[in-house]
Structure formats: structure tokens, C-alpha cells
């Protein structure tokens, strides 16, 4: 098959591994910089072009791995590929709603999934009420547009909480406040879900001086045995957000497992290094399954055969 990886940096571990995994399974892999793609909207001949002159309409599938800062354009590009009957491993609508932290939490809680108690308001006048809503200090303040642990602050006292919230509000920033799960002790779980199945899971532990587990900020990862309830929670979270591939972050609390976030472009380095599992290969196999691809037989060539398209 002809598979395009929509991303920004070909040297990132995750992107390199996906390209390698596809090539190992005899697919034609092409790295496509999202910023170098542009679209032709036409009722008769819609197209996706690349800056080197290529027309990309003949791809069988794309794997969107879109930076948060490129969500709008990346989703528009993925949507255009979908309109051309190119399979997207994660669809544009699912990516879009997973990137909106408030909207995704609303969808998750509407589906009966457990999340930390959270508050959202538009005015600094509501600061005290927000703090009370999540059980007082300490509390966590999150920018809705943050990613990879950025824009997340622990306010240890009520006064600190008021200061952080009001500072963000003065910058016209949208934010969430959440209860602080003290018993987690800076640890959370990352469950990697593909096609409604948990294929790998790790425990992440915060670096010294940090309160939140984050591998981008010096945290560590280790293999962990997750419970049936944690698996069920992760699989359902990915399903209700419409994601075939998702990194689901869960925190263990006295109330049971709570969903922190669902990531539509989860990193592979930490989870593959810790578990020694071929997660990138499982992503490629998901595309093969969706497109009913089978390995090439004698006389068919290296492309293999498909029952569709």
C-alpha cells in the first residue's frame, strides 16, 4: 500500500519508527510535512498537492500526527484526504474534538466515564467558586491549549490558585481547574489503544521537583500491570472520541481510575522502550485490517492485494 505520514519532523523517534514499521511490511511509506501540503477544492477534480510538484491523490492511507499548533490546518488536510477516499488512521473529526480538552472531557463525562472533578468559567469573578468546586487547594490549573505537560500548574495554596487563575484570565486564556489527586504521588498511566484494544501500557513518574508525570520534562517510564477496569476505561474513552489510535492517560485515585486526557498523536518512544513492544507495527497492521490488505502472493508484486478501492 501507499501510506503517507502527515507530521512535521521526520527525525522524531515516533515518526522514524512508523516509517520503518511500514517499510518492514513492504508498504511504500512517504513522509509528508503538513506545512508543505496544499489543497485544491474543486467539484470535479479535488486534489492534494505537495510543494515538490507531486499530487497525492493516489495514497491508500494517511497517518495524521499533527502538532497542537497545527491542529486547524492539519485537520483540514486530513479531512480533504478523507473526501478523496483516502483512509485516515485517525479521522479529522476525532482529532479535532480530542484536541479540545474541555469538549473532550464533556464527551467523556456524558458517556459515564470517570474524570477528575473539574471547573471552567469565563470570568475572574468566579475564581473563588471554581476553587471550591474542585475541593479547594491544592488544585491543578490547565490551559486548554496546552500540550505535552505545558500549561499545567499545581497551585499548593488557595492564594496561589487565585493568582494563577487570575493571571491566566488576564491574558484571555481559557483554562480548566481540576482537583489534585495527592495519593497518585506524581504518577499516572499511559495506555496505548489501537482498534479498541490496549496493546501496551506504562506507568510514568514525575521528575524530581515536578508534580506531574511527563516524559518530555524528565519523567521516567516503567512497565505496569493495569487492571481490567483501567483497560475498559481506556478503550471506551478512545471509542467515544472516535479514535482508532489513542494514548489514554489515567490516574489512580481513592475513587478508582480517573481519565486525565486522551491523546490522538501519542508518542512511541517511552512506551516502546519500556515495554519492548512493536507499537508502530501494530499501527500499520490497523491500516491493513481496515483496508483488507493481504501480503503479496507470487506474481502480485510487493504491493500486495486489497479487496477495496
C-alpha atoms as a PDB file:
ATOM      1  CA  UNK A   1       0.000   0.000   0.000  1.00  0.00           C
ATOM      2  CA  UNK A   2       0.956   3.650  -0.371  1.00  0.00           C
ATOM      3  CA  UNK A   3       0.885   5.237   3.097  1.00  0.00           C
ATOM      4  CA  UNK A   4       1.617   8.872   3.910  1.00  0.00           C
ATOM      5  CA  UNK A   5       2.733  10.017   7.359  1.00  0.00           C
ATOM      6  CA  UNK A   6       1.389  13.531   7.986  1.00  0.00           C
ATOM      7  CA  UNK A   7       3.709  15.142  10.530  1.00  0.00           C
ATOM      8  CA  UNK A   8       6.296  17.898  10.964  1.00  0.00           C
ATOM      9  CA  UNK A   9       9.637  16.377  11.927  1.00  0.00           C
ATOM     10  CA  UNK A  10      10.936  13.237  10.154  1.00  0.00           C
ATOM     11  CA  UNK A  11      13.672  12.823  12.777  1.00  0.00           C
ATOM     12  CA  UNK A  12      11.353  12.299  15.757  1.00  0.00           C
ATOM     13  CA  UNK A  13      11.527   8.771  17.177  1.00  0.00           C
ATOM     14  CA  UNK A  14       7.799   8.142  16.673  1.00  0.00           C
ATOM     15  CA  UNK A  15       7.853   9.219  13.040  1.00  0.00           C
ATOM     16  CA  UNK A  16      11.002   7.219  12.255  1.00  0.00           C
ATOM     17  CA  UNK A  17       9.523   4.101  13.827  1.00  0.00           C
ATOM     18  CA  UNK A  18       6.268   4.359  11.898  1.00  0.00           C
ATOM     19  CA  UNK A  19       8.158   4.793   8.624  1.00  0.00           C
ATOM     20  CA  UNK A  20      10.359   1.777   9.467  1.00  0.00           C
ATOM     21  CA  UNK A  21       7.414  -0.384  10.536  1.00  0.00           C
ATOM     22  CA  UNK A  22       5.540   0.293   7.298  1.00  0.00           C
ATOM     23  CA  UNK A  23       8.603  -0.407   5.145  1.00  0.00           C
ATOM     24  CA  UNK A  24       9.245  -3.662   7.033  1.00  0.00           C
ATOM     25  CA  UNK A  25       5.760  -4.788   5.991  1.00  0.00           C
ATOM     26  CA  UNK A  26       6.501  -3.932   2.332  1.00  0.00           C
ATOM     27  CA  UNK A  27       4.447  -0.735   2.121  1.00  0.00           C
ATOM     28  CA  UNK A  28       5.536   2.411   0.279  1.00  0.00           C
ATOM     29  CA  UNK A  29       5.943   4.930   3.076  1.00  0.00           C
ATOM     30  CA  UNK A  30       6.115   8.668   2.365  1.00  0.00           C
ATOM     31  CA  UNK A  31       6.829  11.344   4.958  1.00  0.00           C
ATOM     32  CA  UNK A  32       4.668  14.399   4.263  1.00  0.00           C
ATOM     33  CA  UNK A  33       5.332  17.651   6.093  1.00  0.00           C
ATOM     34  CA  UNK A  34       1.900  19.078   6.893  1.00  0.00           C
ATOM     35  CA  UNK A  35       3.166  22.590   6.125  1.00  0.00           C
ATOM     36  CA  UNK A  36       4.288  21.550   2.641  1.00  0.00           C
ATOM     37  CA  UNK A  37       0.884  20.204   1.593  1.00  0.00           C
ATOM     38  CA  UNK A  38      -1.815  22.297  -0.025  1.00  0.00           C
ATOM     39  CA  UNK A  39      -5.309  21.552  -1.270  1.00  0.00           C
ATOM     40  CA  UNK A  40      -7.320  22.081  -4.404  1.00  0.00           C
ATOM     41  CA  UNK A  41     -11.045  22.287  -3.735  1.00  0.00           C
ATOM     42  CA  UNK A  42     -12.915  21.528  -6.936  1.00  0.00           C
ATOM     43  CA  UNK A  43     -16.172  19.664  -7.537  1.00  0.00           C
ATOM     44  CA  UNK A  44     -14.702  17.723 -10.454  1.00  0.00           C
ATOM     45  CA  UNK A  45     -11.002  17.360  -9.575  1.00  0.00           C
ATOM     46  CA  UNK A  46     -10.243  17.848  -5.864  1.00  0.00           C
ATOM     47  CA  UNK A  47      -6.562  17.291  -5.147  1.00  0.00           C
ATOM     48  CA  UNK A  48      -3.834  17.406  -2.511  1.00  0.00           C
ATOM     49  CA  UNK A  49      -0.507  18.787  -3.766  1.00  0.00           C
ATOM     50  CA  UNK A  50       2.977  18.717  -2.284  1.00  0.00           C
ATOM     51  CA  UNK A  51       5.467  21.542  -2.702  1.00  0.00           C
ATOM     52  CA  UNK A  52       7.762  19.360  -4.829  1.00  0.00           C
ATOM     53  CA  UNK A  53       5.049  19.124  -7.503  1.00  0.00           C
ATOM     54  CA  UNK A  54       3.539  15.779  -6.533  1.00  0.00           C
ATOM     55  CA  UNK A  55      -0.207  15.179  -6.490  1.00  0.00           C
ATOM     56  CA  UNK A  56      -1.020  12.913  -3.547  1.00  0.00           C
ATOM     57  CA  UNK A  57      -4.447  11.616  -4.523  1.00  0.00           C
ATOM     58  CA  UNK A  58      -3.172   8.070  -5.116  1.00  0.00           C
ATOM     59  CA  UNK A  59      -2.369   7.367  -1.455  1.00  0.00           C
ATOM     60  CA  UNK A  60      -4.213   4.460   0.123  1.00  0.00           C
ATOM     61  CA  UNK A  61      -3.947   5.771   3.687  1.00  0.00           C
ATOM     62  CA  UNK A  62      -2.558   8.585   5.807  1.00  0.00           C
ATOM     63  CA  UNK A  63      -1.384   8.563   9.422  1.00  0.00           C
ATOM     64  CA  UNK A  64      -2.011  12.034  10.887  1.00  0.00           C
ATOM     65  CA  UNK A  65       0.430  13.030  13.637  1.00  0.00           C
ATOM     66  CA  UNK A  66      -0.366  16.700  13.925  1.00  0.00           C
ATOM     67  CA  UNK A  67       1.282  19.156  16.290  1.00  0.00           C
ATOM     68  CA  UNK A  68      -1.151  21.016  18.564  1.00  0.00           C
ATOM     69  CA  UNK A  69      -0.107  24.314  16.960  1.00  0.00           C
ATOM     70  CA  UNK A  70      -1.096  22.913  13.545  1.00  0.00           C
ATOM     71  CA  UNK A  71      -4.423  21.377  14.568  1.00  0.00           C
ATOM     72  CA  UNK A  72      -6.609  23.589  12.367  1.00  0.00           C
ATOM     73  CA  UNK A  73      -4.628  23.124   9.144  1.00  0.00           C
ATOM     74  CA  UNK A  74      -3.710  19.519   9.875  1.00  0.00           C
ATOM     75  CA  UNK A  75      -7.354  18.564  10.441  1.00  0.00           C
ATOM     76  CA  UNK A  76      -8.401  20.423   7.272  1.00  0.00           C
ATOM     77  CA  UNK A  77      -5.758  18.486   5.331  1.00  0.00           C
ATOM     78  CA  UNK A  78      -6.806  15.154   6.843  1.00  0.00           C
ATOM     79  CA  UNK A  79     -10.444  15.959   6.068  1.00  0.00           C
ATOM     80  CA  UNK A  80      -9.522  16.666   2.429  1.00  0.00           C
ATOM     81  CA  UNK A  81      -7.751  13.320   2.149  1.00  0.00           C
ATOM     82  CA  UNK A  82     -10.852  11.654   3.603  1.00  0.00           C
ATOM     83  CA  UNK A  83     -13.001  13.360   0.962  1.00  0.00           C
ATOM     84  CA  UNK A  84     -10.740  11.751  -1.668  1.00  0.00           C
ATOM     85  CA  UNK A  85     -11.470   8.311  -0.163  1.00  0.00           C
ATOM     86  CA  UNK A  86      -8.012   8.082   1.393  1.00  0.00           C
ATOM     87  CA  UNK A  87      -8.211   6.195   4.695  1.00  0.00           C
ATOM     88  CA  UNK A  88      -7.081   8.171   7.760  1.00  0.00           C
ATOM     89  CA  UNK A  89      -5.896   6.108  10.737  1.00  0.00           C
ATOM     90  CA  UNK A  90      -7.410   8.779  12.990  1.00  0.00           C
ATOM     91  CA  UNK A  91     -10.155  10.814  11.362  1.00  0.00           C
ATOM     92  CA  UNK A  92     -10.149  14.605  11.284  1.00  0.00           C
ATOM     93  CA  UNK A  93     -13.301  14.978  13.412  1.00  0.00           C
ATOM     94  CA  UNK A  94     -11.920  12.687  16.119  1.00  0.00           C
ATOM     95  CA  UNK A  95      -8.591  14.524  16.208  1.00  0.00           C
ATOM     96  CA  UNK A  96     -10.334  17.878  16.405  1.00  0.00           C
ATOM     97  CA  UNK A  97     -12.522  17.019  19.373  1.00  0.00           C
ATOM     98  CA  UNK A  98      -9.725  15.208  21.234  1.00  0.00           C
ATOM     99  CA  UNK A  99      -7.586  18.369  20.999  1.00  0.00           C
ATOM    100  CA  UNK A 100     -10.257  20.441  22.754  1.00  0.00           C
ATOM    101  CA  UNK A 101      -9.669  19.494  26.392  1.00  0.00           C
ATOM    102  CA  UNK A 102     -12.948  20.944  27.639  1.00  0.00           C
ATOM    103  CA  UNK A 103     -15.059  19.411  24.881  1.00  0.00           C
ATOM    104  CA  UNK A 104     -13.392  16.012  25.227  1.00  0.00           C
ATOM    105  CA  UNK A 105     -13.969  15.995  28.995  1.00  0.00           C
ATOM    106  CA  UNK A 106     -17.618  16.886  28.404  1.00  0.00           C
ATOM    107  CA  UNK A 107     -17.963  13.972  25.970  1.00  0.00           C
ATOM    108  CA  UNK A 108     -16.237  11.581  28.377  1.00  0.00           C
ATOM    109  CA  UNK A 109     -18.336  12.523  31.377  1.00  0.00           C
ATOM    110  CA  UNK A 110     -21.517  12.462  29.274  1.00  0.00           C
ATOM    111  CA  UNK A 111     -20.614   8.866  28.401  1.00  0.00           C
ATOM    112  CA  UNK A 112     -20.391   7.990  32.068  1.00  0.00           C
ATOM    113  CA  UNK A 113     -16.594   7.790  32.254  1.00  0.00           C
ATOM    114  CA  UNK A 114     -14.835   8.930  35.418  1.00  0.00           C
ATOM    115  CA  UNK A 115     -12.747  12.116  35.303  1.00  0.00           C
ATOM    116  CA  UNK A 116     -11.233  14.353  37.995  1.00  0.00           C
ATOM    117  CA  UNK A 117     -13.672  16.963  39.270  1.00  0.00           C
ATOM    118  CA  UNK A 118     -13.095  19.964  37.013  1.00  0.00           C
ATOM    119  CA  UNK A 119     -14.283  23.551  36.756  1.00  0.00           C
ATOM    120  CA  UNK A 120     -14.473  26.042  33.894  1.00  0.00           C
ATOM    121  CA  UNK A 121     -15.594  29.659  33.888  1.00  0.00           C
ATOM    122  CA  UNK A 122     -15.284  32.752  31.739  1.00  0.00           C
ATOM    123  CA  UNK A 123     -14.752  35.462  34.338  1.00  0.00           C
ATOM    124  CA  UNK A 124     -12.184  36.087  37.129  1.00  0.00           C
ATOM    125  CA  UNK A 125     -15.154  36.981  39.315  1.00  0.00           C
ATOM    126  CA  UNK A 126     -15.848  33.238  39.534  1.00  0.00           C
ATOM    127  CA  UNK A 127     -12.356  32.318  40.795  1.00  0.00           C
ATOM    128  CA  UNK A 128     -13.348  31.503  44.385  1.00  0.00           C
ATOM    129  CA  UNK A 129     -16.304  29.425  43.279  1.00  0.00           C
ATOM    130  CA  UNK A 130     -14.084  27.466  40.882  1.00  0.00           C
ATOM    131  CA  UNK A 131     -11.614  26.663  43.646  1.00  0.00           C
ATOM    132  CA  UNK A 132     -14.402  25.482  45.946  1.00  0.00           C
ATOM    133  CA  UNK A 133     -15.906  23.421  43.123  1.00  0.00           C
ATOM    134  CA  UNK A 134     -12.804  21.192  42.929  1.00  0.00           C
ATOM    135  CA  UNK A 135     -12.378  20.811  46.672  1.00  0.00           C
ATOM    136  CA  UNK A 136     -10.071  23.740  47.412  1.00  0.00           C
ATOM    137  CA  UNK A 137      -6.280  23.808  47.439  1.00  0.00           C
ATOM    138  CA  UNK A 138      -4.091  22.205  46.327  1.00  0.00           C
ATOM    139  CA  UNK A 139      -5.542  22.246  42.831  1.00  0.00           C
ATOM    140  CA  UNK A 140      -4.351  21.910  39.231  1.00  0.00           C
ATOM    141  CA  UNK A 141      -4.758  24.691  36.654  1.00  0.00           C
ATOM    142  CA  UNK A 142      -4.571  23.697  32.974  1.00  0.00           C
ATOM    143  CA  UNK A 143      -4.533  25.788  29.831  1.00  0.00           C
ATOM    144  CA  UNK A 144      -6.967  24.289  27.336  1.00  0.00           C
ATOM    145  CA  UNK A 145      -4.447  24.778  24.537  1.00  0.00           C
ATOM    146  CA  UNK A 146      -1.512  23.222  26.392  1.00  0.00           C
ATOM    147  CA  UNK A 147       0.209  20.013  25.271  1.00  0.00           C
ATOM    148  CA  UNK A 148       2.871  17.577  26.497  1.00  0.00           C
ATOM    149  CA  UNK A 149       2.586  18.860  30.044  1.00  0.00           C
ATOM    150  CA  UNK A 150       2.990  22.526  29.142  1.00  0.00           C
ATOM    151  CA  UNK A 151       0.492  24.960  30.599  1.00  0.00           C
ATOM    152  CA  UNK A 152      -0.203  22.775  33.664  1.00  0.00           C
ATOM    153  CA  UNK A 153       0.374  24.342  37.092  1.00  0.00           C
ATOM    154  CA  UNK A 154      -0.029  22.978  40.608  1.00  0.00           C
ATOM    155  CA  UNK A 155      -1.318  25.608  42.998  1.00  0.00           C
ATOM    156  CA  UNK A 156      -0.492  24.421  46.523  1.00  0.00           C
ATOM    157  CA  UNK A 157      -2.475  27.086  48.375  1.00  0.00           C
ATOM    158  CA  UNK A 158      -5.726  28.887  47.792  1.00  0.00           C
ATOM    159  CA  UNK A 159      -3.927  32.198  47.339  1.00  0.00           C
ATOM    160  CA  UNK A 160      -1.604  30.666  44.756  1.00  0.00           C
ATOM    161  CA  UNK A 161      -4.618  29.230  42.956  1.00  0.00           C
ATOM    162  CA  UNK A 162      -6.308  32.619  42.832  1.00  0.00           C
ATOM    163  CA  UNK A 163      -3.136  34.237  41.491  1.00  0.00           C
ATOM    164  CA  UNK A 164      -2.589  31.656  38.743  1.00  0.00           C
ATOM    165  CA  UNK A 165      -6.220  31.639  37.630  1.00  0.00           C
ATOM    166  CA  UNK A 166      -6.479  35.424  37.546  1.00  0.00           C
ATOM    167  CA  UNK A 167      -3.148  35.741  35.733  1.00  0.00           C
ATOM    168  CA  UNK A 168      -4.302  33.358  33.000  1.00  0.00           C
ATOM    169  CA  UNK A 169      -7.653  35.091  32.793  1.00  0.00           C
ATOM    170  CA  UNK A 170      -5.979  38.492  32.381  1.00  0.00           C
ATOM    171  CA  UNK A 171      -4.254  37.036  29.300  1.00  0.00           C
ATOM    172  CA  UNK A 172      -7.652  35.963  27.901  1.00  0.00           C
ATOM    173  CA  UNK A 173      -6.531  32.331  28.174  1.00  0.00           C
ATOM    174  CA  UNK A 174      -9.077  29.541  28.502  1.00  0.00           C
ATOM    175  CA  UNK A 175      -8.323  27.237  31.406  1.00  0.00           C
ATOM    176  CA  UNK A 176      -9.606  24.369  33.489  1.00  0.00           C
ATOM    177  CA  UNK A 177      -9.177  23.843  37.191  1.00  0.00           C
ATOM    178  CA  UNK A 178      -9.079  20.278  38.491  1.00  0.00           C
ATOM    179  CA  UNK A 179      -8.891  18.520  41.807  1.00  0.00           C
ATOM    180  CA  UNK A 180      -5.398  17.444  42.823  1.00  0.00           C
ATOM    181  CA  UNK A 181      -5.036  13.685  43.326  1.00  0.00           C
ATOM    182  CA  UNK A 182      -2.498  13.634  46.137  1.00  0.00           C
ATOM    183  CA  UNK A 183      -2.389   9.865  46.511  1.00  0.00           C
ATOM    184  CA  UNK A 184      -1.088   9.463  42.931  1.00  0.00           C
ATOM    185  CA  UNK A 185       2.259  10.888  44.123  1.00  0.00           C
ATOM    186  CA  UNK A 186       3.223  12.249  40.706  1.00  0.00           C
ATOM    187  CA  UNK A 187       2.469   9.019  38.825  1.00  0.00           C
ATOM    188  CA  UNK A 188      -0.003   8.285  36.065  1.00  0.00           C
ATOM    189  CA  UNK A 189      -0.645   5.566  33.488  1.00  0.00           C
ATOM    190  CA  UNK A 190      -0.409   5.751  29.707  1.00  0.00           C
ATOM    191  CA  UNK A 191      -2.439   3.056  27.953  1.00  0.00           C
ATOM    192  CA  UNK A 192      -1.903   2.771  24.203  1.00  0.00           C
ATOM    193  CA  UNK A 193      -5.153   1.784  22.495  1.00  0.00           C
ATOM    194  CA  UNK A 194      -5.377   0.512  18.909  1.00  0.00           C
ATOM    195  CA  UNK A 195      -8.645  -0.764  17.426  1.00  0.00           C
ATOM    196  CA  UNK A 196     -10.386  -0.998  20.805  1.00  0.00           C
ATOM    197  CA  UNK A 197      -7.556  -2.984  22.396  1.00  0.00           C
ATOM    198  CA  UNK A 198      -4.849  -1.958  24.867  1.00  0.00           C
ATOM    199  CA  UNK A 199      -1.617  -3.001  23.132  1.00  0.00           C
ATOM    200  CA  UNK A 200       0.846  -1.585  25.683  1.00  0.00           C
ATOM    201  CA  UNK A 201       0.832   0.299  28.974  1.00  0.00           C
ATOM    202  CA  UNK A 202       3.349   2.085  31.154  1.00  0.00           C
ATOM    203  CA  UNK A 203       3.493   3.961  34.424  1.00  0.00           C
ATOM    204  CA  UNK A 204       5.011   7.429  34.188  1.00  0.00           C
ATOM    205  CA  UNK A 205       6.626   9.085  37.190  1.00  0.00           C
ATOM    206  CA  UNK A 206       7.346  12.762  37.582  1.00  0.00           C
ATOM    207  CA  UNK A 207      10.900  14.073  37.622  1.00  0.00           C
ATOM    208  CA  UNK A 208      12.181  15.442  40.947  1.00  0.00           C
ATOM    209  CA  UNK A 209      10.593  18.802  41.639  1.00  0.00           C
ATOM    210  CA  UNK A 210       7.684  18.151  39.244  1.00  0.00           C
ATOM    211  CA  UNK A 211       4.226  17.125  40.362  1.00  0.00           C
ATOM    212  CA  UNK A 212       3.045  15.567  37.110  1.00  0.00           C
ATOM    213  CA  UNK A 213       4.413  12.546  35.273  1.00  0.00           C
ATOM    214  CA  UNK A 214       5.739  13.719  31.927  1.00  0.00           C
ATOM    215  CA  UNK A 215       8.432  12.103  29.783  1.00  0.00           C
ATOM    216  CA  UNK A 216       9.010  15.373  27.919  1.00  0.00           C
ATOM    217  CA  UNK A 217      10.106  17.011  31.175  1.00  0.00           C
ATOM    218  CA  UNK A 218      12.478  14.399  32.533  1.00  0.00           C
ATOM    219  CA  UNK A 219       9.982  11.889  33.900  1.00  0.00           C
ATOM    220  CA  UNK A 220      10.577   8.127  33.812  1.00  0.00           C
ATOM    221  CA  UNK A 221       8.563   5.231  32.403  1.00  0.00           C
ATOM    222  CA  UNK A 222       8.244   1.647  33.606  1.00  0.00           C
ATOM    223  CA  UNK A 223       6.167  -1.405  32.728  1.00  0.00           C
ATOM    224  CA  UNK A 224       2.969  -1.663  34.757  1.00  0.00           C
ATOM    225  CA  UNK A 225       0.186  -4.210  35.080  1.00  0.00           C
ATOM    226  CA  UNK A 226      -3.111  -2.437  34.531  1.00  0.00           C
ATOM    227  CA  UNK A 227      -6.445  -3.618  35.842  1.00  0.00           C
ATOM    228  CA  UNK A 228      -9.431  -4.744  33.817  1.00  0.00           C
ATOM    229  CA  UNK A 229     -11.263  -1.578  34.864  1.00  0.00           C
ATOM    230  CA  UNK A 230      -8.381   0.616  33.659  1.00  0.00           C
ATOM    231  CA  UNK A 231      -8.337  -1.185  30.314  1.00  0.00           C
ATOM    232  CA  UNK A 232     -12.095  -0.819  29.970  1.00  0.00           C
ATOM    233  CA  UNK A 233     -11.873   2.881  30.768  1.00  0.00           C
ATOM    234  CA  UNK A 234      -9.118   3.464  28.192  1.00  0.00           C
ATOM    235  CA  UNK A 235     -10.838   1.509  25.420  1.00  0.00           C
ATOM    236  CA  UNK A 236     -14.170   3.244  25.967  1.00  0.00           C
ATOM    237  CA  UNK A 237     -12.522   6.681  26.101  1.00  0.00           C
ATOM    238  CA  UNK A 238     -10.879   6.118  22.703  1.00  0.00           C
ATOM    239  CA  UNK A 239     -14.145   4.771  21.310  1.00  0.00           C
ATOM    240  CA  UNK A 240     -16.384   7.632  22.427  1.00  0.00           C
ATOM    241  CA  UNK A 241     -13.918  10.139  20.942  1.00  0.00           C
ATOM    242  CA  UNK A 242     -13.815   8.168  17.684  1.00  0.00           C
ATOM    243  CA  UNK A 243     -10.075   7.406  17.788  1.00  0.00           C
ATOM    244  CA  UNK A 244      -8.665   4.189  16.312  1.00  0.00           C
ATOM    245  CA  UNK A 245      -5.281   5.010  17.872  1.00  0.00           C
ATOM    246  CA  UNK A 246      -5.015   6.833  21.193  1.00  0.00           C
ATOM    247  CA  UNK A 247      -2.754   7.347  24.159  1.00  0.00           C
ATOM    248  CA  UNK A 248      -5.066   7.382  27.155  1.00  0.00           C
ATOM    249  CA  UNK A 249      -3.763   8.930  30.371  1.00  0.00           C
ATOM    250  CA  UNK A 250      -5.252   7.601  33.605  1.00  0.00           C
ATOM    251  CA  UNK A 251      -4.542   8.451  37.221  1.00  0.00           C
ATOM    252  CA  UNK A 252      -5.173   6.105  40.131  1.00  0.00           C
ATOM    253  CA  UNK A 253      -7.191   7.630  42.961  1.00  0.00           C
ATOM    254  CA  UNK A 254      -9.047   6.517  46.062  1.00  0.00           C
ATOM    255  CA  UNK A 255     -12.214   6.753  43.968  1.00  0.00           C
ATOM    256  CA  UNK A 256     -10.755   4.418  41.353  1.00  0.00           C
ATOM    257  CA  UNK A 257      -9.145   5.173  37.976  1.00  0.00           C
ATOM    258  CA  UNK A 258      -9.792   8.648  36.539  1.00  0.00           C
ATOM    259  CA  UNK A 259      -9.288   9.791  32.949  1.00  0.00           C
ATOM    260  CA  UNK A 260      -6.879  12.686  32.592  1.00  0.00           C
ATOM    261  CA  UNK A 261      -6.576  13.069  28.831  1.00  0.00           C
ATOM    262  CA  UNK A 262      -6.871  11.248  25.506  1.00  0.00           C
ATOM    263  CA  UNK A 263      -4.080  11.953  23.009  1.00  0.00           C
ATOM    264  CA  UNK A 264      -4.678  11.447  19.278  1.00  0.00           C
ATOM    265  CA  UNK A 265      -0.938  11.558  18.404  1.00  0.00           C
ATOM    266  CA  UNK A 266       0.672   9.626  21.271  1.00  0.00           C
ATOM    267  CA  UNK A 267       4.448   9.332  21.359  1.00  0.00           C
ATOM    268  CA  UNK A 268       6.027   5.918  20.872  1.00  0.00           C
ATOM    269  CA  UNK A 269       9.486   6.263  22.374  1.00  0.00           C
ATOM    270  CA  UNK A 270       8.647   5.913  26.062  1.00  0.00           C
ATOM    271  CA  UNK A 271       6.169   3.077  25.638  1.00  0.00           C
ATOM    272  CA  UNK A 272       8.205   1.071  23.112  1.00  0.00           C
ATOM    273  CA  UNK A 273      11.424   1.484  25.095  1.00  0.00           C
ATOM    274  CA  UNK A 274       9.832   0.381  28.355  1.00  0.00           C
ATOM    275  CA  UNK A 275       7.659  -2.479  27.062  1.00  0.00           C
ATOM    276  CA  UNK A 276       9.806  -3.637  24.093  1.00  0.00           C
ATOM    277  CA  UNK A 277       6.583  -3.943  22.087  1.00  0.00           C
ATOM    278  CA  UNK A 278       6.270  -3.052  18.404  1.00  0.00           C
ATOM    279  CA  UNK A 279       3.567  -0.429  18.795  1.00  0.00           C
ATOM    280  CA  UNK A 280       4.429   1.197  15.456  1.00  0.00           C
ATOM    281  CA  UNK A 281       3.920  -2.146  13.744  1.00  0.00           C
ATOM    282  CA  UNK A 282       0.524  -2.517  15.400  1.00  0.00           C
ATOM    283  CA  UNK A 283      -0.481   0.870  13.942  1.00  0.00           C
ATOM    284  CA  UNK A 284       0.443  -0.302  10.435  1.00  0.00           C
ATOM    285  CA  UNK A 285      -1.465  -3.547  10.982  1.00  0.00           C
ATOM    286  CA  UNK A 286      -4.531  -1.495  11.924  1.00  0.00           C
ATOM    287  CA  UNK A 287      -4.454   0.132   8.481  1.00  0.00           C
ATOM    288  CA  UNK A 288      -4.034  -3.272   6.828  1.00  0.00           C
ATOM    289  CA  UNK A 289      -7.065  -4.571   8.689  1.00  0.00           C
ATOM    290  CA  UNK A 290      -9.220  -1.559   7.862  1.00  0.00           C
ATOM    291  CA  UNK A 291      -8.356  -1.735   4.145  1.00  0.00           C
ATOM    292  CA  UNK A 292      -8.490  -5.549   3.998  1.00  0.00           C
ATOM    293  CA  UNK A 293      -4.920  -5.724   2.753  1.00  0.00           C
ATOM    294  CA  UNK A 294      -3.183  -9.075   2.487  1.00  0.00           C
ATOM    295  CA  UNK A 295       0.510  -9.820   1.872  1.00  0.00           C
ATOM    296  CA  UNK A 296       1.603 -10.171  -1.736  1.00  0.00           C
ATOM    297  CA  UNK A 297       1.319 -13.597  -3.318  1.00  0.00           C
ATOM    298  CA  UNK A 298       3.604 -14.861  -6.067  1.00  0.00           C
ATOM    299  CA  UNK A 299       3.024 -12.796  -9.189  1.00  0.00           C
ATOM    300  CA  UNK A 300       1.303  -9.896  -7.406  1.00  0.00           C
ATOM    301  CA  UNK A 301       4.433  -7.824  -6.655  1.00  0.00           C
ATOM    302  CA  UNK A 302       5.418  -6.147  -3.414  1.00  0.00           C
ATOM    303  CA  UNK A 303       2.256  -4.038  -3.158  1.00  0.00           C
ATOM    304  CA  UNK A 304       0.131  -6.946  -2.013  1.00  0.00           C
ATOM    305  CA  UNK A 305      -3.591  -7.001  -2.687  1.00  0.00           C
ATOM    306  CA  UNK A 306      -6.607  -5.118  -1.404  1.00  0.00           C
ATOM    307  CA  UNK A 307     -10.279  -6.022  -1.538  1.00  0.00           C
ATOM    308  CA  UNK A 308     -11.333  -2.374  -1.718  1.00  0.00           C
ATOM    309  CA  UNK A 309     -10.562   0.705  -3.781  1.00  0.00           C
END
